[in-house]
C-alpha atoms as a PDB file:
ATOM      1  CA  MET A   1     -42.605  19.356  -6.081  1.00  0.00           C
ATOM      2  CA  SER A   2     -40.474  16.233  -6.046  1.00  0.00           C
ATOM      3  CA  GLU A   3     -36.983  16.320  -6.753  1.00  0.00           C
ATOM      4  CA  GLN A   4     -35.234  13.557  -8.775  1.00  0.00           C
ATOM      5  CA  PRO A   5     -31.964  12.213  -7.459  1.00  0.00           C
ATOM      6  CA  SER A   6     -29.375  13.748  -9.059  1.00  0.00           C
ATOM      7  CA  GLU A   7     -27.118  11.479 -11.144  1.00  0.00           C
ATOM      8  CA  GLN A   8     -23.551  10.164  -9.970  1.00  0.00           C
ATOM      9  CA  ALA A   9     -20.879   9.708 -11.895  1.00  0.00           C
ATOM     10  CA  PRO A  10     -19.498   6.141 -11.701  1.00  0.00           C
ATOM     11  CA  TYR A  11     -15.978   7.546 -10.127  1.00  0.00           C
ATOM     12  CA  SER A  12     -14.596  10.468  -8.196  1.00  0.00           C
ATOM     13  CA  PRO A  13     -12.340  13.114  -9.900  1.00  0.00           C
ATOM     14  CA  ASP A  14      -9.819  10.912  -8.053  1.00  0.00           C
ATOM     15  CA  ASP A  15     -10.737   7.377  -9.075  1.00  0.00           C
ATOM     16  CA  ARG A  16     -10.366   8.572 -12.448  1.00  0.00           C
ATOM     17  CA  HIS A  17      -6.908  10.485 -11.754  1.00  0.00           C
ATOM     18  CA  LEU A  18      -5.447   6.616 -10.600  1.00  0.00           C
ATOM     19  CA  ALA A  19      -7.608   5.190 -13.370  1.00  0.00           C
ATOM     20  CA  GLU A  20      -4.962   6.444 -15.895  1.00  0.00           C
ATOM     21  CA  ILE A  21      -1.836   6.015 -13.806  1.00  0.00           C
ATOM     22  CA  PRO A  22       0.392   3.068 -14.854  1.00  0.00           C
ATOM     23  CA  SER A  23       0.154  -0.030 -12.242  1.00  0.00           C
ATOM     24  CA  VAL A  24       3.749   0.286 -12.613  1.00  0.00           C
ATOM     25  CA  GLU A  25       3.977   3.609 -10.832  1.00  0.00           C
ATOM     26  CA  VAL A  26       1.331   2.926  -8.242  1.00  0.00           C
ATOM     27  CA  ILE A  27       3.644  -0.243  -7.462  1.00  0.00           C
ATOM     28  CA  SER A  28       6.842   2.569  -7.190  1.00  0.00           C
ATOM     29  CA  ARG A  29       5.164   5.021  -5.627  1.00  0.00           C
ATOM     30  CA  ALA A  30       3.953   2.354  -2.657  1.00  0.00           C
ATOM     31  CA  ALA A  31       7.317   0.542  -2.359  1.00  0.00           C
ATOM     32  CA  VAL A  32       8.570   4.237  -1.649  1.00  0.00           C
ATOM     33  CA  MET A  33       6.035   5.468   0.437  1.00  0.00           C
ATOM     34  CA  LEU A  34       6.947   2.233   2.598  1.00  0.00           C
ATOM     35  CA  LEU A  35      10.535   2.912   1.774  1.00  0.00           C
ATOM     36  CA  SER A  36      10.505   6.763   3.105  1.00  0.00           C
ATOM     37  CA  ALA A  37       8.177   5.526   6.539  1.00  0.00           C
ATOM     38  CA  GLY A  38      11.157   2.637   7.224  1.00  0.00           C
ATOM     39  CA  ALA A  39      13.543   5.402   6.863  1.00  0.00           C
ATOM     40  CA  GLU A  40      12.264   7.418   9.419  1.00  0.00           C
ATOM     41  CA  ARG A  41      11.164   4.420  12.012  1.00  0.00           C
ATOM     42  CA  LEU A  42      14.493   3.465  11.586  1.00  0.00           C
ATOM     43  CA  GLY A  43      15.469   7.016  12.597  1.00  0.00           C
ATOM     44  CA  LEU A  44      18.232   7.228   9.426  1.00  0.00           C
ATOM     45  CA  ALA A  45      16.315  11.296   9.016  1.00  0.00           C
ATOM     46  CA  ASP A  46      17.723  12.462  11.926  1.00  0.00           C
ATOM     47  CA  ALA A  47      21.462  13.193  13.145  1.00  0.00           C
ATOM     48  CA  ASP A  48      21.775  10.540  15.566  1.00  0.00           C
ATOM     49  CA  PRO A  49      19.124   8.191  14.427  1.00  0.00           C
ATOM     50  CA  ALA A  50      19.645   5.905  18.271  1.00  0.00           C
ATOM     51  CA  THR A  51      18.118   9.099  19.822  1.00  0.00           C
ATOM     52  CA  SER A  52      15.650   9.769  17.261  1.00  0.00           C
ATOM     53  CA  PRO A  53      11.946  10.650  18.528  1.00  0.00           C
ATOM     54  CA  HIS A  54      10.713   8.928  15.394  1.00  0.00           C
ATOM     55  CA  ARG A  55      12.682   5.446  16.234  1.00  0.00           C
ATOM     56  CA  ASP A  56      10.365   2.790  16.617  1.00  0.00           C
ATOM     57  CA  LEU A  57      11.763  -0.744  15.233  1.00  0.00           C
ATOM     58  CA  ASP A  58       8.173  -2.897  15.261  1.00  0.00           C
ATOM     59  CA  GLU A  59       6.895   0.037  13.132  1.00  0.00           C
ATOM     60  CA  ALA A  60      10.166  -0.256  11.035  1.00  0.00           C
ATOM     61  CA  ARG A  61       9.898  -4.552  10.977  1.00  0.00           C
ATOM     62  CA  ARG A  62       6.151  -3.951   9.878  1.00  0.00           C
ATOM     63  CA  LEU A  63       7.410  -1.734   6.570  1.00  0.00           C
ATOM     64  CA  ILE A  64      10.224  -3.656   6.089  1.00  0.00           C
ATOM     65  CA  THR A  65       8.640  -6.382   5.748  1.00  0.00           C
ATOM     66  CA  ALA A  66       5.709  -4.585   3.805  1.00  0.00           C
ATOM     67  CA  LEU A  67       7.869  -3.679   1.427  1.00  0.00           C
ATOM     68  CA  ALA A  68       9.904  -6.640   0.497  1.00  0.00           C
ATOM     69  CA  GLY A  69       6.291  -8.466  -0.167  1.00  0.00           C
ATOM     70  CA  LEU A  70       5.510  -5.600  -2.508  1.00  0.00           C
ATOM     71  CA  VAL A  71       9.297  -5.672  -4.307  1.00  0.00           C
ATOM     72  CA  THR A  72       9.522  -9.480  -4.315  1.00  0.00           C
ATOM     73  CA  ALA A  73       5.548  -9.881  -5.675  1.00  0.00           C
ATOM     74  CA  SER A  74       6.152  -7.421  -8.647  1.00  0.00           C
ATOM     75  CA  ALA A  75       9.660  -7.479  -9.821  1.00  0.00           C
ATOM     76  CA  GLU A  76       8.292  -8.770 -12.738  1.00  0.00           C
ATOM     77  CA  TYR A  77       6.206  -5.682 -13.986  1.00  0.00           C
ATOM     78  CA  LEU A  78       9.133  -3.019 -12.043  1.00  0.00           C
ATOM     79  CA  GLY A  79      11.700  -3.228 -14.835  1.00  0.00           C
ATOM     80  CA  LEU A  80      14.230  -1.001 -14.409  1.00  0.00           C
ATOM     81  CA  HIS A  81      12.602   0.349 -10.662  1.00  0.00           C
ATOM     82  CA  ALA A  82      13.470  -3.375  -9.475  1.00  0.00           C
ATOM     83  CA  GLY A  83      17.023  -2.960  -8.711  1.00  0.00           C
ATOM     84  CA  PRO A  84      16.985   0.706  -7.095  1.00  0.00           C
ATOM     85  CA  LEU A  85      14.113  -0.516  -5.049  1.00  0.00           C
ATOM     86  CA  ARG A  86      15.585  -3.832  -3.985  1.00  0.00           C
ATOM     87  CA  ASP A  87      18.919  -1.710  -2.779  1.00  0.00           C
ATOM     88  CA  GLY A  88      16.656   0.495  -0.593  1.00  0.00           C
ATOM     89  CA  LEU A  89      15.448  -2.476   0.785  1.00  0.00           C
ATOM     90  CA  GLN A  90      18.164  -3.953   1.762  1.00  0.00           C
ATOM     91  CA  SER A  91      19.624  -0.884   2.744  1.00  0.00           C
ATOM     92  CA  LEU A  92      16.729  -0.437   4.928  1.00  0.00           C
ATOM     93  CA  GLN A  93      17.362  -4.113   5.894  1.00  0.00           C
ATOM     94  CA  LYS A  94      20.630  -3.840   7.395  1.00  0.00           C
ATOM     95  CA  ALA A  95      20.101  -0.690   8.988  1.00  0.00           C
ATOM     96  CA  PHE A  96      17.577  -2.358  10.789  1.00  0.00           C
ATOM     97  CA  ARG A  97      20.033  -4.861  11.887  1.00  0.00           C
ATOM     98  CA  GLU A  98      22.582  -2.959  12.754  1.00  0.00           C
ATOM     99  CA  ALA A  99      19.596  -0.955  15.334  1.00  0.00           C
ATOM    100  CA  SER A 100      18.813  -4.194  16.595  1.00  0.00           C
ATOM    101  CA  ALA A 101      20.408  -4.765  20.341  1.00  0.00           C
ATOM    102  CA  VAL A 102      19.666  -8.413  20.083  1.00  0.00           C
ATOM    103  CA  PRO A 103      19.806  -8.458  16.178  1.00  0.00           C
ATOM    104  CA  ASP A 104      17.892 -11.235  14.230  1.00  0.00           C
ATOM    105  CA  GLU A 105      19.043 -14.635  12.929  1.00  0.00           C
ATOM    106  CA  PRO A 106      20.248 -14.437   9.420  1.00  0.00           C
ATOM    107  CA  GLY A 107      16.588 -15.483   7.413  1.00  0.00           C
ATOM    108  CA  GLN A 108      14.803 -13.922  10.758  1.00  0.00           C
ATOM    109  CA  GLY A 109      14.916 -10.327  10.019  1.00  0.00           C
ATOM    110  CA  PRO A 110      12.325  -8.276   8.559  1.00  0.00           C
ATOM    111  CA  GLY A 111      10.996  -8.894   4.778  1.00  0.00           C
ATOM    112  CA  GLU A 112      14.048 -12.308   5.101  1.00  0.00           C
ATOM    113  CA  LYS A 113      11.106 -14.475   4.280  1.00  0.00           C
ATOM    114  CA  PHE A 114      10.711 -12.824   0.862  1.00  0.00           C
ATOM    115  CA  THR A 115      14.187 -11.743   0.268  1.00  0.00           C
ATOM    116  CA  GLY A 116      16.711 -14.430   1.958  1.00  0.00           C
ATOM    117  CA  PRO A 117      19.029 -13.431   4.411  1.00  0.00           C
ATOM    118  CA  VAL A 118      20.748 -10.270   4.434  1.00  0.00           C
ATOM    119  CA  TYR A 119      24.238  -9.717   6.245  1.00  0.00           C
END
């Protein structure tokens, strides 16, 4: 007796679930994840960010820059979601500047190549 290979569905259940989520929601979820991770890496979830064991400014820079690129590139699709995401991004950029021993020049901070200088 030979076994015939079972036919696999073209998509896994997870893929079908993702296919049902509107693109604006996917973009917003990704932005919120980057925003949350950036805040964690700045130590903002702890009582004293300067002594947070999660603080890592190099990682925070990468996350903030990725968030800035995503929000800037997708702003036209985000509608009402764009404003709060921009506000959150700007808060992270300011917190990064305050946390830096030697702050970047205006326009050189994380994500500022996408957003312009943040003061």
